Amino acid sequence: MEDFRKKLKIRSTVLLIICCLAPALYIALRLITKGASDFAQGLSMGLLTSIEVCSIIGLVEALVLLRNEKSLKEKYIAVTDERNKAIEKETALKFLPVSTYGIGFAAVAAGFFDIKICITLTAVMLFNLLVFLALKAYYMKKM
């Protein structure tokens, strides 16, 4: 239980840092790229805002759990429950092929319309596969 509490403290610290860095990054990008298009500025604003909102939600959840012992125990049980772990593993195992094939089909379809989108989707698909292979190699050594 104490390990779980330490992990929550570390998570809350990381989320707090992200909450502080996201607006600073946006301001720095605005100052550096004054001639950027409205689309690029809007996209970066939207992405950084969503990162900020998700970080705040996670931070609030972690702080509430750290202050309420009963909620902390319930969350600990939910996180360490074997059934939940099995569900997460199955979901992760099924996600990769579905995602890879989906992105692959999208890349083929995009090739008929715009080569830049096709190349981007292919790069995303390759990145997913490289991350999968790296994680598999890591866990093969670890376990």
N, C-alpha and C. Protein backbone atom coordinates (compact mmCIF):
# COMPACT_ATOMS: atom_id res chain seq x y z
N MET A 1 0.83 -1.20 0.00
CA MET A 1 0.00 0.00 0.00
C MET A 1 0.87 1.26 0.00
N GLU A 2 1.98 1.20 0.72
CA GLU A 2 2.88 2.35 0.76
C GLU A 2 3.54 2.59 -0.59
N ASP A 3 3.84 1.51 -1.33
CA ASP A 3 4.39 1.67 -2.68
C ASP A 3 3.39 2.38 -3.58
N PHE A 4 2.12 2.01 -3.45
CA PHE A 4 1.07 2.65 -4.23
C PHE A 4 0.97 4.13 -3.89
N ARG A 5 1.07 4.45 -2.62
CA ARG A 5 1.02 5.85 -2.17
C ARG A 5 2.21 6.63 -2.75
N LYS A 6 3.41 6.02 -2.76
CA LYS A 6 4.59 6.67 -3.33
C LYS A 6 4.42 6.91 -4.82
N LYS A 7 3.85 5.91 -5.52
CA LYS A 7 3.60 6.08 -6.96
C LYS A 7 2.63 7.23 -7.22
N LEU A 8 1.61 7.34 -6.38
CA LEU A 8 0.66 8.44 -6.54
C LEU A 8 1.32 9.79 -6.29
N LYS A 9 2.21 9.85 -5.31
CA LYS A 9 2.92 11.10 -5.04
C LYS A 9 3.81 11.48 -6.22
N ILE A 10 4.50 10.50 -6.78
CA ILE A 10 5.35 10.77 -7.95
C ILE A 10 4.48 11.20 -9.12
N ARG A 11 3.37 10.50 -9.34
CA ARG A 11 2.46 10.85 -10.43
C ARG A 11 1.94 12.27 -10.27
N SER A 12 1.56 12.64 -9.05
CA SER A 12 1.04 13.99 -8.84
C SER A 12 2.11 15.05 -9.09
N THR A 13 3.36 14.75 -8.72
CA THR A 13 4.45 15.68 -8.99
C THR A 13 4.68 15.84 -10.48
N VAL A 14 4.69 14.73 -11.21
CA VAL A 14 4.88 14.79 -12.66
C VAL A 14 3.73 15.56 -13.32
N LEU A 15 2.51 15.29 -12.89
CA LEU A 15 1.35 15.99 -13.47
C LEU A 15 1.39 17.48 -13.15
N LEU A 16 1.85 17.83 -11.98
CA LEU A 16 1.99 19.24 -11.63
C LEU A 16 3.02 19.93 -12.53
N ILE A 17 4.12 19.25 -12.79
CA ILE A 17 5.14 19.79 -13.69
C ILE A 17 4.56 19.98 -15.10
N ILE A 18 3.80 18.98 -15.57
CA ILE A 18 3.17 19.10 -16.89
C ILE A 18 2.19 20.26 -16.91
N CYS A 19 1.43 20.43 -15.84
CA CYS A 19 0.48 21.55 -15.77
C CYS A 19 1.19 22.90 -15.87
N CYS A 20 2.39 22.98 -15.35
CA CYS A 20 3.15 24.23 -15.41
C CYS A 20 3.86 24.40 -16.75
N LEU A 21 4.32 23.29 -17.34
CA LEU A 21 5.08 23.38 -18.58
C LEU A 21 4.21 23.61 -19.82
N ALA A 22 3.00 23.09 -19.83
CA ALA A 22 2.15 23.21 -21.02
C ALA A 22 1.89 24.67 -21.40
N PRO A 23 1.45 25.53 -20.47
CA PRO A 23 1.25 26.93 -20.85
C PRO A 23 2.57 27.62 -21.22
N ALA A 24 3.65 27.28 -20.51
CA ALA A 24 4.95 27.88 -20.83
C ALA A 24 5.40 27.48 -22.23
N LEU A 25 5.18 26.22 -22.59
CA LEU A 25 5.52 25.76 -23.94
C LEU A 25 4.70 26.49 -24.99
N TYR A 26 3.42 26.65 -24.74
CA TYR A 26 2.57 27.36 -25.70
C TYR A 26 3.03 28.80 -25.89
N ILE A 27 3.32 29.48 -24.80
CA ILE A 27 3.77 30.88 -24.89
C ILE A 27 5.10 30.95 -25.64
N ALA A 28 6.02 30.04 -25.33
CA ALA A 28 7.32 30.02 -26.02
C ALA A 28 7.13 29.76 -27.52
N LEU A 29 6.27 28.83 -27.86
CA LEU A 29 6.01 28.55 -29.27
C LEU A 29 5.38 29.74 -29.98
N ARG A 30 4.50 30.43 -29.30
CA ARG A 30 3.88 31.62 -29.90
C ARG A 30 4.93 32.70 -30.17
N LEU A 31 5.86 32.87 -29.25
CA LEU A 31 6.89 33.89 -29.42
C LEU A 31 7.89 33.50 -30.50
N ILE A 32 8.24 32.21 -30.56
CA ILE A 32 9.24 31.76 -31.54
C ILE A 32 8.67 31.73 -32.95
N THR A 33 7.43 31.29 -33.10
CA THR A 33 6.82 31.11 -34.42
C THR A 33 5.71 32.13 -34.65
N LYS A 34 6.10 33.38 -34.77
CA LYS A 34 5.10 34.43 -34.96
C LYS A 34 4.41 34.34 -36.31
N GLY A 35 5.08 33.79 -37.30
CA GLY A 35 4.50 33.73 -38.64
C GLY A 35 3.75 32.44 -38.93
N ALA A 36 3.50 31.62 -37.92
CA ALA A 36 2.82 30.34 -38.14
C ALA A 36 1.37 30.58 -38.55
N SER A 37 0.83 29.63 -39.28
CA SER A 37 -0.54 29.75 -39.75
C SER A 37 -1.54 29.67 -38.60
N ASP A 38 -2.74 30.15 -38.85
CA ASP A 38 -3.79 30.07 -37.83
C ASP A 38 -4.11 28.62 -37.49
N PHE A 39 -4.05 27.75 -38.49
CA PHE A 39 -4.33 26.34 -38.25
C PHE A 39 -3.32 25.75 -37.27
N ALA A 40 -2.03 26.02 -37.50
CA ALA A 40 -0.98 25.48 -36.63
C ALA A 40 -1.11 26.03 -35.21
N GLN A 41 -1.43 27.30 -35.10
CA GLN A 41 -1.59 27.90 -33.78
C GLN A 41 -2.81 27.32 -33.07
N GLY A 42 -3.89 27.15 -33.80
CA GLY A 42 -5.10 26.57 -33.20
C GLY A 42 -4.90 25.13 -32.80
N LEU A 43 -4.20 24.38 -33.65
CA LEU A 43 -3.92 22.98 -33.33
C LEU A 43 -3.05 22.86 -32.08
N SER A 44 -2.00 23.65 -32.01
CA SER A 44 -1.13 23.58 -30.83
C SER A 44 -1.87 24.04 -29.58
N MET A 45 -2.73 25.04 -29.72
CA MET A 45 -3.52 25.50 -28.58
C MET A 45 -4.47 24.40 -28.11
N GLY A 46 -5.12 23.73 -29.04
CA GLY A 46 -6.04 22.65 -28.69
C GLY A 46 -5.34 21.47 -28.05
N LEU A 47 -4.21 21.05 -28.63
CA LEU A 47 -3.48 19.91 -28.07
C LEU A 47 -2.94 20.22 -26.67
N LEU A 48 -2.34 21.39 -26.52
CA LEU A 48 -1.80 21.74 -25.21
C LEU A 48 -2.91 21.96 -24.18
N THR A 49 -4.07 22.46 -24.62
CA THR A 49 -5.20 22.62 -23.70
C THR A 49 -5.70 21.26 -23.25
N SER A 50 -5.79 20.30 -24.18
CA SER A 50 -6.25 18.97 -23.80
C SER A 50 -5.25 18.29 -22.87
N ILE A 51 -3.96 18.48 -23.11
CA ILE A 51 -2.94 17.95 -22.21
C ILE A 51 -3.11 18.58 -20.82
N GLU A 52 -3.35 19.86 -20.80
CA GLU A 52 -3.53 20.58 -19.53
C GLU A 52 -4.75 20.06 -18.77
N VAL A 53 -5.87 19.90 -19.46
CA VAL A 53 -7.10 19.42 -18.81
C VAL A 53 -6.91 18.00 -18.28
N CYS A 54 -6.33 17.12 -19.08
CA CYS A 54 -6.10 15.74 -18.63
C CYS A 54 -5.15 15.72 -17.44
N SER A 55 -4.15 16.56 -17.45
CA SER A 55 -3.20 16.62 -16.33
C SER A 55 -3.88 17.12 -15.06
N ILE A 56 -4.73 18.11 -15.20
CA ILE A 56 -5.45 18.64 -14.02
C ILE A 56 -6.38 17.58 -13.45
N ILE A 57 -7.09 16.88 -14.33
CA ILE A 57 -8.00 15.82 -13.86
C ILE A 57 -7.21 14.73 -13.12
N GLY A 58 -6.10 14.30 -13.70
CA GLY A 58 -5.26 13.29 -13.06
C GLY A 58 -4.67 13.79 -11.74
N LEU A 59 -4.27 15.04 -11.71
CA LEU A 59 -3.71 15.62 -10.49
C LEU A 59 -4.75 15.68 -9.38
N VAL A 60 -5.95 16.13 -9.71
CA VAL A 60 -7.02 16.20 -8.71
C VAL A 60 -7.35 14.80 -8.19
N GLU A 61 -7.43 13.83 -9.11
CA GLU A 61 -7.72 12.46 -8.68
C GLU A 61 -6.64 11.93 -7.73
N ALA A 62 -5.38 12.16 -8.08
CA ALA A 62 -4.28 11.68 -7.23
C ALA A 62 -4.30 12.36 -5.87
N LEU A 63 -4.55 13.67 -5.85
CA LEU A 63 -4.57 14.38 -4.56
C LEU A 63 -5.74 13.95 -3.69
N VAL A 64 -6.90 13.70 -4.31
CA VAL A 64 -8.05 13.22 -3.55
C VAL A 64 -7.75 11.85 -2.95
N LEU A 65 -7.14 10.98 -3.74
CA LEU A 65 -6.79 9.65 -3.25
C LEU A 65 -5.78 9.71 -2.10
N LEU A 66 -4.82 10.61 -2.22
CA LEU A 66 -3.81 10.72 -1.17
C LEU A 66 -4.38 11.27 0.14
N ARG A 67 -5.45 12.03 0.05
CA ARG A 67 -6.03 12.63 1.25
C ARG A 67 -7.13 11.77 1.88
N ASN A 68 -7.67 10.80 1.13
CA ASN A 68 -8.77 9.99 1.63
C ASN A 68 -8.32 8.52 1.67
N GLU A 69 -8.13 8.02 2.86
CA GLU A 69 -7.61 6.66 3.03
C GLU A 69 -8.56 5.60 2.46
N LYS A 70 -9.85 5.80 2.62
CA LYS A 70 -10.82 4.82 2.13
C LYS A 70 -10.78 4.75 0.60
N SER A 71 -10.76 5.90 -0.04
CA SER A 71 -10.70 5.94 -1.51
C SER A 71 -9.37 5.36 -2.00
N LEU A 72 -8.31 5.61 -1.26
CA LEU A 72 -7.00 5.08 -1.63
C LEU A 72 -7.01 3.55 -1.60
N LYS A 73 -7.61 2.97 -0.57
CA LYS A 73 -7.70 1.52 -0.48
C LYS A 73 -8.54 0.94 -1.61
N GLU A 74 -9.67 1.60 -1.93
CA GLU A 74 -10.53 1.12 -3.01
C GLU A 74 -9.79 1.16 -4.36
N LYS A 75 -9.08 2.24 -4.61
CA LYS A 75 -8.32 2.37 -5.86
C LYS A 75 -7.19 1.35 -5.91
N TYR A 76 -6.53 1.12 -4.79
CA TYR A 76 -5.45 0.13 -4.73
C TYR A 76 -5.98 -1.26 -5.07
N ILE A 77 -7.12 -1.60 -4.51
CA ILE A 77 -7.73 -2.90 -4.79
C ILE A 77 -8.10 -3.00 -6.26
N ALA A 78 -8.66 -1.93 -6.82
CA ALA A 78 -9.05 -1.94 -8.23
C ALA A 78 -7.84 -2.07 -9.15
N VAL A 79 -6.76 -1.41 -8.78
CA VAL A 79 -5.55 -1.45 -9.62
C VAL A 79 -4.85 -2.80 -9.52
N THR A 80 -4.83 -3.39 -8.35
CA THR A 80 -4.11 -4.64 -8.17
C THR A 80 -4.98 -5.88 -8.39
N ASP A 81 -6.25 -5.70 -8.69
CA ASP A 81 -7.16 -6.83 -8.92
C ASP A 81 -6.72 -7.62 -10.15
N GLU A 82 -6.64 -8.94 -9.99
CA GLU A 82 -6.17 -9.82 -11.08
C GLU A 82 -7.09 -9.76 -12.30
N ARG A 83 -8.38 -9.65 -12.07
CA ARG A 83 -9.33 -9.59 -13.20
C ARG A 83 -9.10 -8.33 -14.02
N ASN A 84 -8.92 -7.19 -13.36
CA ASN A 84 -8.67 -5.94 -14.07
C ASN A 84 -7.35 -6.00 -14.84
N LYS A 85 -6.34 -6.62 -14.24
CA LYS A 85 -5.06 -6.76 -14.94
C LYS A 85 -5.20 -7.63 -16.18
N ALA A 86 -5.97 -8.70 -16.06
CA ALA A 86 -6.19 -9.59 -17.21
C ALA A 86 -6.94 -8.86 -18.32
N ILE A 87 -7.92 -8.06 -17.95
CA ILE A 87 -8.68 -7.27 -18.94
C ILE A 87 -7.75 -6.29 -19.65
N GLU A 88 -6.90 -5.61 -18.90
CA GLU A 88 -5.97 -4.65 -19.50
C GLU A 88 -5.00 -5.34 -20.45
N LYS A 89 -4.50 -6.50 -20.07
CA LYS A 89 -3.57 -7.23 -20.94
C LYS A 89 -4.25 -7.67 -22.23
N GLU A 90 -5.47 -8.19 -22.13
CA GLU A 90 -6.20 -8.62 -23.33
C GLU A 90 -6.50 -7.43 -24.23
N THR A 91 -6.88 -6.32 -23.63
CA THR A 91 -7.17 -5.12 -24.42
C THR A 91 -5.93 -4.66 -25.16
N ALA A 92 -4.80 -4.64 -24.47
CA ALA A 92 -3.55 -4.21 -25.10
C ALA A 92 -3.14 -5.17 -26.22
N LEU A 93 -3.31 -6.47 -25.98
CA LEU A 93 -2.95 -7.46 -27.00
C LEU A 93 -3.82 -7.32 -28.25
N LYS A 94 -5.09 -7.03 -28.07
CA LYS A 94 -6.00 -6.92 -29.22
C LYS A 94 -5.87 -5.56 -29.92
N PHE A 95 -5.42 -4.55 -29.19
CA PHE A 95 -5.35 -3.21 -29.75
C PHE A 95 -4.30 -3.10 -30.86
N LEU A 96 -3.15 -3.68 -30.67
CA LEU A 96 -2.06 -3.50 -31.63
C LEU A 96 -2.42 -3.97 -33.04
N PRO A 97 -2.92 -5.19 -33.22
CA PRO A 97 -3.24 -5.59 -34.60
C PRO A 97 -4.37 -4.76 -35.20
N VAL A 98 -5.38 -4.46 -34.41
CA VAL A 98 -6.49 -3.65 -34.92
C VAL A 98 -5.99 -2.27 -35.34
N SER A 99 -5.19 -1.66 -34.49
CA SER A 99 -4.63 -0.35 -34.79
C SER A 99 -3.71 -0.39 -36.00
N THR A 100 -2.85 -1.37 -36.06
CA THR A 100 -1.89 -1.47 -37.17
C THR A 100 -2.60 -1.67 -38.50
N TYR A 101 -3.53 -2.61 -38.53
CA TYR A 101 -4.26 -2.85 -39.77
C TYR A 101 -5.12 -1.64 -40.16
N GLY A 102 -5.73 -1.03 -39.16
CA GLY A 102 -6.56 0.15 -39.43
C GLY A 102 -5.75 1.29 -40.03
N ILE A 103 -4.60 1.55 -39.44
CA ILE A 103 -3.73 2.61 -39.96
C ILE A 103 -3.19 2.22 -41.33
N GLY A 104 -2.88 0.95 -41.52
CA GLY A 104 -2.38 0.48 -42.82
C GLY A 104 -3.42 0.69 -43.93
N PHE A 105 -4.67 0.30 -43.66
CA PHE A 105 -5.73 0.52 -44.65
C PHE A 105 -5.97 2.01 -44.90
N ALA A 106 -5.90 2.80 -43.84
CA ALA A 106 -6.06 4.25 -44.00
C ALA A 106 -4.92 4.83 -44.85
N ALA A 107 -3.70 4.31 -44.66
CA ALA A 107 -2.56 4.78 -45.45
C ALA A 107 -2.74 4.44 -46.93
N VAL A 108 -3.23 3.23 -47.20
CA VAL A 108 -3.47 2.84 -48.60
C VAL A 108 -4.54 3.74 -49.22
N ALA A 109 -5.63 3.96 -48.48
CA ALA A 109 -6.70 4.81 -49.00
C ALA A 109 -6.21 6.25 -49.20
N ALA A 110 -5.42 6.74 -48.25
CA ALA A 110 -4.91 8.12 -48.34
C ALA A 110 -3.96 8.28 -49.52
N GLY A 111 -3.30 7.20 -49.91
CA GLY A 111 -2.38 7.26 -51.04
C GLY A 111 -3.05 7.68 -52.34
N PHE A 112 -4.34 7.44 -52.44
CA PHE A 112 -5.09 7.85 -53.62
C PHE A 112 -5.44 9.33 -53.60
N PHE A 113 -5.34 9.97 -52.44
CA PHE A 113 -5.74 11.37 -52.31
C PHE A 113 -4.57 12.31 -52.07
N ASP A 114 -3.70 11.95 -51.12
CA ASP A 114 -2.59 12.85 -50.77
C ASP A 114 -1.41 12.02 -50.28
N ILE A 115 -0.29 12.15 -50.95
CA ILE A 115 0.89 11.35 -50.62
C ILE A 115 1.46 11.71 -49.24
N LYS A 116 1.33 12.97 -48.82
CA LYS A 116 1.84 13.38 -47.51
C LYS A 116 1.10 12.65 -46.39
N ILE A 117 -0.19 12.54 -46.52
CA ILE A 117 -0.99 11.84 -45.51
C ILE A 117 -0.64 10.36 -45.51
N CYS A 118 -0.46 9.80 -46.69
CA CYS A 118 -0.08 8.39 -46.81
C CYS A 118 1.25 8.12 -46.12
N ILE A 119 2.22 8.96 -46.35
CA ILE A 119 3.54 8.78 -45.74
C ILE A 119 3.45 8.96 -44.22
N THR A 120 2.67 9.93 -43.79
CA THR A 120 2.51 10.16 -42.35
C THR A 120 1.87 8.96 -41.67
N LEU A 121 0.81 8.43 -42.25
CA LEU A 121 0.16 7.26 -41.66
C LEU A 121 1.09 6.04 -41.66
N THR A 122 1.86 5.88 -42.71
CA THR A 122 2.82 4.78 -42.75
C THR A 122 3.87 4.95 -41.66
N ALA A 123 4.33 6.18 -41.46
CA ALA A 123 5.30 6.44 -40.39
C ALA A 123 4.70 6.14 -39.02
N VAL A 124 3.44 6.50 -38.81
CA VAL A 124 2.77 6.21 -37.54
C VAL A 124 2.67 4.70 -37.33
N MET A 125 2.32 3.98 -38.40
CA MET A 125 2.21 2.52 -38.31
C MET A 125 3.57 1.90 -37.96
N LEU A 126 4.62 2.36 -38.61
CA LEU A 126 5.95 1.85 -38.31
C LEU A 126 6.40 2.20 -36.90
N PHE A 127 6.06 3.40 -36.45
CA PHE A 127 6.39 3.80 -35.09
C PHE A 127 5.70 2.88 -34.08
N ASN A 128 4.41 2.60 -34.30
CA ASN A 128 3.68 1.68 -33.41
C ASN A 128 4.37 0.32 -33.35
N LEU A 129 4.77 -0.18 -34.50
CA LEU A 129 5.41 -1.48 -34.54
C LEU A 129 6.78 -1.46 -33.86
N LEU A 130 7.54 -0.39 -34.06
CA LEU A 130 8.85 -0.28 -33.40
C LEU A 130 8.72 -0.21 -31.89
N VAL A 131 7.73 0.55 -31.41
CA VAL A 131 7.50 0.63 -29.97
C VAL A 131 7.11 -0.75 -29.44
N PHE A 132 6.24 -1.44 -30.17
CA PHE A 132 5.84 -2.78 -29.76
C PHE A 132 7.05 -3.71 -29.66
N LEU A 133 7.89 -3.70 -30.68
CA LEU A 133 9.06 -4.58 -30.68
C LEU A 133 10.04 -4.22 -29.56
N ALA A 134 10.22 -2.93 -29.31
CA ALA A 134 11.11 -2.50 -28.23
C ALA A 134 10.57 -2.94 -26.87
N LEU A 135 9.27 -2.76 -26.66
CA LEU A 135 8.68 -3.18 -25.39
C LEU A 135 8.72 -4.70 -25.23
N LYS A 136 8.49 -5.41 -26.33
CA LYS A 136 8.55 -6.87 -26.26
C LYS A 136 9.96 -7.33 -25.89
N ALA A 137 10.97 -6.73 -26.50
CA ALA A 137 12.35 -7.09 -26.18
C ALA A 137 12.67 -6.76 -24.72
N TYR A 138 12.18 -5.63 -24.24
CA TYR A 138 12.40 -5.23 -22.85
C TYR A 138 11.79 -6.24 -21.89
N TYR A 139 10.52 -6.59 -22.14
CA TYR A 139 9.85 -7.51 -21.23
C TYR A 139 10.35 -8.95 -21.36
N MET A 140 10.89 -9.29 -22.52
CA MET A 140 11.49 -10.63 -22.66
C MET A 140 12.72 -10.75 -21.76
N LYS A 141 13.48 -9.66 -21.62
CA LYS A 141 14.65 -9.68 -20.73
C LYS A 141 14.24 -9.56 -19.27
N LYS A 142 13.20 -8.76 -19.02
CA LYS A 142 12.79 -8.48 -17.64
C LYS A 142 12.09 -9.67 -16.99
N MET A 143 11.27 -10.37 -17.76
CA MET A 143 10.46 -11.44 -17.16
C MET A 143 11.06 -12.79 -17.36
